[in-house]
Amino acid sequence: MSAEERLITIRQNKFGKYANPWDSWREKRVKAAFYLISNKPTKEVWPPTNNPQLDINLPVCKPIFGPPFEDENSGIRLTWLGHATVLIHIDGVNILCDPIFSPRCALIGPRRYRPVPCIIDELPLIDAVAISHNHFDHMDVPTIRLIAKRFPNIKWCIPMGCAGTIASEIRVFHDKLPRIWEALWWEEREITKDVKLIYTPAQHWSGRNIFLDNNRSFWGSWTIVGPNHRGFFAGDTGYCNIFRDIGNRYGPFDIAAIPIGAYTPRLICNQSLI
């Protein structure tokens, strides 16, 4: 298999489910389920839950959205807005990645430890939203609905297989489907004439209901290429050799957002999270 063929290969079985194509991936769902049922987390693996300690370890700072976010000739800047949400400014373009501003991940999902540092109405003008995969803590429908209301002309860059979820739950999208781009790995799209987004691979998985849509949509990372700067947003991923290919093809990068928080228990996280 040539290097170019290896870049674009993804496995799909006869049931329409996708799978990571690398030798570094091994399916461990049965072992993971057994582990979760038979083990209780120890106090050492969880962060402190009292606010005074969290204020010391992970303070919430109010972001300042002045220049360069409003300067078309500015360079590069990244603002972390909690969890996996980052606002990346590259060469005059603002791209919001994996936005989640809700207090919970899904209706009965886990509550966030830290409040969001700002509200959606305080964001600068957003040119595009880039979503890495459809897990509830990365594709949050209430947040998407509010963003769509605040920025009706925004471009939505999402993984292949996710448009149905967005279009069915956010009515404003029904007559604006051309602004939704469902991406396959290595596909690219211009956000402006000078800045483009590329949907690059990641080693992870997808699904909002393990019994209904497990691995039926893509998961990946985002590469942002401007005339003067380049950025990388990893989404959720374990480490594999594909990142060498991404770097060789689109690097060197000026800035990168890589998740390093969900690393225990290793039996569950060692392949899909760093």
Protein backbone atom coordinates (compact mmCIF):
# COMPACT_ATOMS: atom_id res chain seq x y z
CA MET A 1 0.00 0.00 0.00
CA SER A 2 1.41 3.39 -0.99
CA ALA A 3 1.69 6.29 1.43
CA GLU A 4 -1.09 8.14 -0.40
CA GLU A 5 -3.42 5.13 -0.24
CA ARG A 6 -2.68 4.70 3.45
CA LEU A 7 -3.67 8.32 4.06
CA ILE A 8 -7.20 7.92 2.74
CA THR A 9 -8.09 4.41 3.93
CA ILE A 10 -10.80 3.84 6.54
CA ARG A 11 -12.48 0.55 7.22
CA GLN A 12 -16.22 0.05 6.96
CA ASN A 13 -17.87 -3.30 7.60
CA LYS A 14 -20.99 -4.75 6.00
CA PHE A 15 -23.16 -3.23 8.72
CA GLY A 16 -22.07 0.29 7.81
CA LYS A 17 -19.85 0.79 10.85
CA TYR A 18 -16.47 2.45 10.61
CA ALA A 19 -13.26 1.28 12.27
CA ASN A 20 -9.79 2.64 12.81
CA PRO A 21 -7.51 1.22 10.10
CA TRP A 22 -4.27 1.08 12.09
CA ASP A 23 -2.57 -1.79 13.89
CA SER A 24 -2.40 0.37 17.02
CA TRP A 25 -6.18 -0.03 17.46
CA ARG A 26 -7.75 -3.04 19.14
CA GLU A 27 -11.43 -3.26 20.05
CA LYS A 28 -11.83 -3.52 23.83
CA ARG A 29 -15.50 -2.78 24.43
CA VAL A 30 -16.25 -6.05 26.23
CA LYS A 31 -13.25 -5.63 28.55
CA ALA A 32 -14.12 -1.99 29.11
CA ALA A 33 -17.73 -2.76 30.00
CA PHE A 34 -16.63 -5.48 32.42
CA TYR A 35 -14.14 -3.09 34.01
CA LEU A 36 -16.75 -0.37 34.53
CA ILE A 37 -19.16 -2.83 36.12
CA SER A 38 -16.66 -4.55 38.38
CA ASN A 39 -14.46 -1.63 39.48
CA LYS A 40 -15.05 1.55 41.41
CA PRO A 41 -12.86 4.57 40.69
CA THR A 42 -10.38 5.40 43.39
CA LYS A 43 -10.14 8.85 44.89
CA GLU A 44 -6.71 9.34 43.37
CA VAL A 45 -7.92 9.30 39.75
CA TRP A 46 -10.61 11.95 40.14
CA PRO A 47 -9.97 15.70 40.40
CA PRO A 48 -10.93 17.57 43.57
CA THR A 49 -14.60 18.50 43.69
CA ASN A 50 -14.50 21.38 46.16
CA ASN A 51 -14.49 24.81 44.57
CA PRO A 52 -11.64 26.35 46.63
CA GLN A 53 -9.23 23.64 45.48
CA LEU A 54 -10.49 23.84 41.91
CA ASP A 55 -10.05 27.60 41.94
CA ILE A 56 -6.38 27.01 42.72
CA ASN A 57 -5.75 24.12 40.34
CA LEU A 58 -7.99 25.21 37.47
CA PRO A 59 -9.03 28.86 37.73
CA VAL A 60 -11.61 30.21 35.30
CA CYS A 61 -10.39 33.37 33.59
CA LYS A 62 -12.60 35.71 31.61
CA PRO A 63 -11.40 35.77 27.98
CA ILE A 64 -10.76 39.08 26.27
CA PHE A 65 -12.07 39.06 22.71
CA GLY A 66 -10.48 42.18 21.33
CA PRO A 67 -7.70 42.22 18.76
CA PRO A 68 -6.56 39.99 17.13
CA PHE A 69 -10.02 38.40 16.91
CA GLU A 70 -11.33 41.52 15.18
CA ASP A 71 -8.23 42.23 13.10
CA GLU A 72 -8.18 40.80 9.60
CA ASN A 73 -4.41 41.22 9.31
CA SER A 74 -3.53 39.57 12.62
CA GLY A 75 -1.67 36.31 13.08
CA ILE A 76 -2.59 33.40 15.32
CA ARG A 77 -4.20 32.96 18.73
CA LEU A 78 -5.89 30.13 20.63
CA THR A 79 -8.32 30.55 23.54
CA TRP A 80 -9.37 27.54 25.63
CA LEU A 81 -13.03 27.86 26.64
CA GLY A 82 -13.22 24.73 28.81
CA HIS A 83 -13.33 20.98 28.15
CA ALA A 84 -12.55 20.46 24.44
CA THR A 85 -13.79 23.86 23.27
CA VAL A 86 -11.19 26.14 21.74
CA LEU A 87 -11.45 29.28 19.65
CA ILE A 88 -8.68 29.42 17.06
CA HIS A 89 -7.89 32.64 15.25
CA ILE A 90 -5.69 32.24 12.18
CA ASP A 91 -4.93 34.98 9.67
CA GLY A 92 -8.16 36.88 10.22
CA VAL A 93 -10.50 33.86 10.56
CA ASN A 94 -12.18 32.67 13.78
CA ILE A 95 -12.95 28.94 14.05
CA LEU A 96 -14.76 27.54 17.09
CA CYS A 97 -13.90 23.87 17.70
CA ASP A 98 -16.13 21.35 19.54
CA PRO A 99 -18.26 23.97 21.34
CA ILE A 100 -20.02 22.89 24.52
CA PHE A 101 -21.39 25.64 26.75
CA SER A 102 -24.00 23.50 28.54
CA PRO A 103 -23.73 22.70 32.27
CA ARG A 104 -24.10 18.98 31.53
CA CYS A 105 -22.90 16.61 28.87
CA ALA A 106 -26.28 15.36 27.52
CA LEU A 107 -29.52 15.39 29.50
CA ILE A 108 -28.33 13.12 32.31
CA GLY A 109 -24.63 13.15 31.52
CA PRO A 110 -21.84 14.29 33.83
CA ARG A 111 -21.86 17.86 35.08
CA ARG A 112 -18.88 20.03 34.24
CA TYR A 113 -16.38 20.72 37.03
CA ARG A 114 -15.71 24.29 35.92
CA PRO A 115 -18.19 26.85 34.56
CA VAL A 116 -17.75 28.20 31.07
CA PRO A 117 -15.60 31.35 31.04
CA CYS A 118 -18.04 33.25 28.83
CA ILE A 119 -21.45 32.98 27.21
CA ILE A 120 -22.12 32.60 23.51
CA ASP A 121 -23.36 36.18 23.19
CA GLU A 122 -19.91 37.36 24.30
CA LEU A 123 -18.05 35.53 21.52
CA PRO A 124 -16.51 37.52 18.66
CA LEU A 125 -17.73 36.98 15.11
CA ILE A 126 -17.31 33.28 14.32
CA ASP A 127 -16.63 32.25 10.73
CA ALA A 128 -16.95 28.48 11.17
CA VAL A 129 -17.65 25.77 13.72
CA ALA A 130 -15.56 22.60 13.41
CA ILE A 131 -16.79 19.46 15.20
CA SER A 132 -14.44 16.49 15.54
CA HIS A 133 -16.96 13.73 16.34
CA ASN A 134 -20.47 13.24 17.67
CA HIS A 135 -19.91 12.30 21.32
CA PHE A 136 -22.11 14.41 23.58
CA ASP A 137 -19.17 16.27 25.11
CA HIS A 138 -18.02 17.43 21.66
CA MET A 139 -21.26 17.83 19.68
CA ASP A 140 -23.68 19.51 22.07
CA VAL A 141 -27.05 20.21 20.45
CA PRO A 142 -28.23 22.94 22.90
CA THR A 143 -24.98 24.81 22.32
CA ILE A 144 -25.22 24.39 18.55
CA ARG A 145 -28.76 25.74 18.62
CA LEU A 146 -27.64 28.88 20.46
CA ILE A 147 -24.69 29.40 18.13
CA ALA A 148 -26.94 29.04 15.09
CA LYS A 149 -29.24 31.70 16.51
CA ARG A 150 -26.37 34.07 17.31
CA PHE A 151 -24.50 33.51 14.01
CA PRO A 152 -27.09 32.56 11.33
CA ASN A 153 -24.56 32.71 8.47
CA ILE A 154 -21.91 30.56 10.11
CA LYS A 155 -20.31 27.61 8.31
CA TRP A 156 -20.66 24.20 10.00
CA CYS A 157 -17.86 21.69 9.38
CA ILE A 158 -18.84 18.29 10.75
CA PRO A 159 -17.93 14.61 10.30
CA MET A 160 -19.66 12.49 7.70
CA GLY A 161 -22.82 11.02 9.22
CA CYS A 162 -23.62 13.88 11.61
CA ALA A 163 -25.74 16.24 9.50
CA GLY A 164 -28.94 14.35 10.30
CA THR A 165 -28.56 15.00 14.01
CA ILE A 166 -27.93 18.69 13.51
CA ALA A 167 -30.50 19.36 10.78
CA SER A 168 -33.30 17.48 12.54
CA GLU A 169 -32.86 19.26 15.84
CA ILE A 170 -32.12 22.79 14.66
CA ARG A 171 -34.84 24.06 12.37
CA VAL A 172 -32.88 27.06 11.17
CA PHE A 173 -30.66 24.63 9.26
CA HIS A 174 -33.42 23.16 7.11
CA ASP A 175 -33.17 25.85 4.44
CA LYS A 176 -29.44 26.35 4.86
CA LEU A 177 -28.03 22.89 4.29
CA PRO A 178 -25.32 24.18 1.90
CA ARG A 179 -23.67 25.78 4.95
CA ILE A 180 -23.25 22.32 6.49
CA TRP A 181 -20.23 20.43 5.24
CA GLU A 182 -20.10 16.73 6.08
CA ALA A 183 -16.44 15.84 5.73
CA LEU A 184 -14.53 12.65 5.03
CA TRP A 185 -10.91 12.22 6.06
CA TRP A 186 -8.51 14.38 4.04
CA GLU A 187 -11.29 16.45 2.45
CA GLU A 188 -10.79 20.19 2.58
CA ARG A 189 -12.98 23.28 2.31
CA GLU A 190 -12.24 26.98 2.05
CA ILE A 191 -13.56 29.08 4.93
CA THR A 192 -12.35 32.21 3.16
CA LYS A 193 -10.29 32.57 0.01
CA ASP A 194 -7.12 32.43 2.13
CA VAL A 195 -7.95 29.97 4.94
CA LYS A 196 -9.03 26.35 4.54
CA LEU A 197 -10.04 23.51 6.85
CA ILE A 198 -8.98 19.90 6.32
CA TYR A 199 -10.70 17.03 8.14
CA THR A 200 -7.78 14.86 9.17
CA PRO A 201 -7.86 11.42 10.87
CA ALA A 202 -7.78 10.55 14.56
CA GLN A 203 -7.79 7.26 16.48
CA HIS A 204 -11.09 7.29 18.32
CA TRP A 205 -14.71 6.20 17.78
CA SER A 206 -18.18 7.72 17.51
CA GLY A 207 -21.75 7.26 18.70
CA ARG A 208 -24.46 8.94 20.74
CA ASN A 209 -26.26 5.68 21.48
CA ILE A 210 -24.10 2.58 21.75
CA PHE A 211 -26.98 0.35 20.60
CA LEU A 212 -28.17 2.46 17.65
CA ASP A 213 -25.39 4.48 16.03
CA ASN A 214 -22.11 3.19 17.38
CA ASN A 215 -19.34 4.01 14.85
CA ARG A 216 -21.80 4.99 12.12
CA SER A 217 -20.29 8.43 11.68
CA PHE A 218 -16.74 9.63 11.22
CA TRP A 219 -14.39 10.87 13.93
CA GLY A 220 -11.31 12.92 13.28
CA SER A 221 -9.19 16.02 13.80
CA TRP A 222 -9.06 19.38 12.07
CA THR A 223 -6.15 21.04 10.31
CA ILE A 224 -6.35 24.77 9.60
CA VAL A 225 -4.16 26.22 6.87
CA GLY A 226 -3.85 29.96 6.37
CA PRO A 227 -1.57 32.03 4.16
CA ASN A 228 0.88 32.65 7.00
CA HIS A 229 0.03 30.22 9.82
CA ARG A 230 -1.17 26.66 10.40
CA GLY A 231 -3.05 25.11 13.31
CA PHE A 232 -4.15 21.67 14.44
CA PHE A 233 -7.11 20.61 16.60
CA ALA A 234 -6.96 16.95 17.66
CA GLY A 235 -10.49 16.48 19.03
CA ASP A 236 -10.38 13.19 20.96
CA THR A 237 -7.71 10.71 19.96
CA GLY A 238 -5.22 8.11 20.99
CA TYR A 239 -1.73 8.19 19.56
CA CYS A 240 -0.95 6.42 16.29
CA ASN A 241 1.33 6.84 13.29
CA ILE A 242 -1.22 8.90 11.37
CA PHE A 243 -0.02 12.04 13.14
CA ARG A 244 3.35 11.67 11.46
CA ASP A 245 1.53 11.65 8.12
CA ILE A 246 -0.54 14.72 9.07
CA GLY A 247 2.60 16.57 10.08
CA ASN A 248 4.45 15.60 6.92
CA ARG A 249 1.55 16.65 4.74
CA TYR A 250 0.44 19.89 6.39
CA GLY A 251 3.08 20.89 8.92
CA PRO A 252 4.95 22.45 10.46
CA PHE A 253 2.21 23.82 12.71
CA ASP A 254 2.34 27.09 14.59
CA ILE A 255 -0.19 25.99 17.22
CA ALA A 256 -1.97 22.79 18.25
CA ALA A 257 -4.74 21.83 20.69
CA ILE A 258 -4.22 18.26 21.91
CA PRO A 259 -6.34 16.67 24.70
CA ILE A 260 -4.32 15.08 27.50
CA GLY A 261 -6.82 14.85 30.36
CA ALA A 262 -8.76 11.58 29.97
CA TYR A 263 -5.96 9.06 30.41
CA THR A 264 -7.32 6.77 33.15
CA PRO A 265 -8.25 3.97 33.45
CA ARG A 266 -5.68 2.99 30.87
CA LEU A 267 -7.51 -0.24 30.00
CA ILE A 268 -10.28 1.89 28.50
CA CYS A 269 -8.43 5.03 27.46
CA ASN A 270 -5.05 3.89 26.17
CA GLN A 271 -6.15 3.59 22.52
CA SER A 272 -8.80 6.26 22.11
CA LEU A 273 -7.40 8.99 24.38
CA ILE A 274 -3.91 10.26 25.09
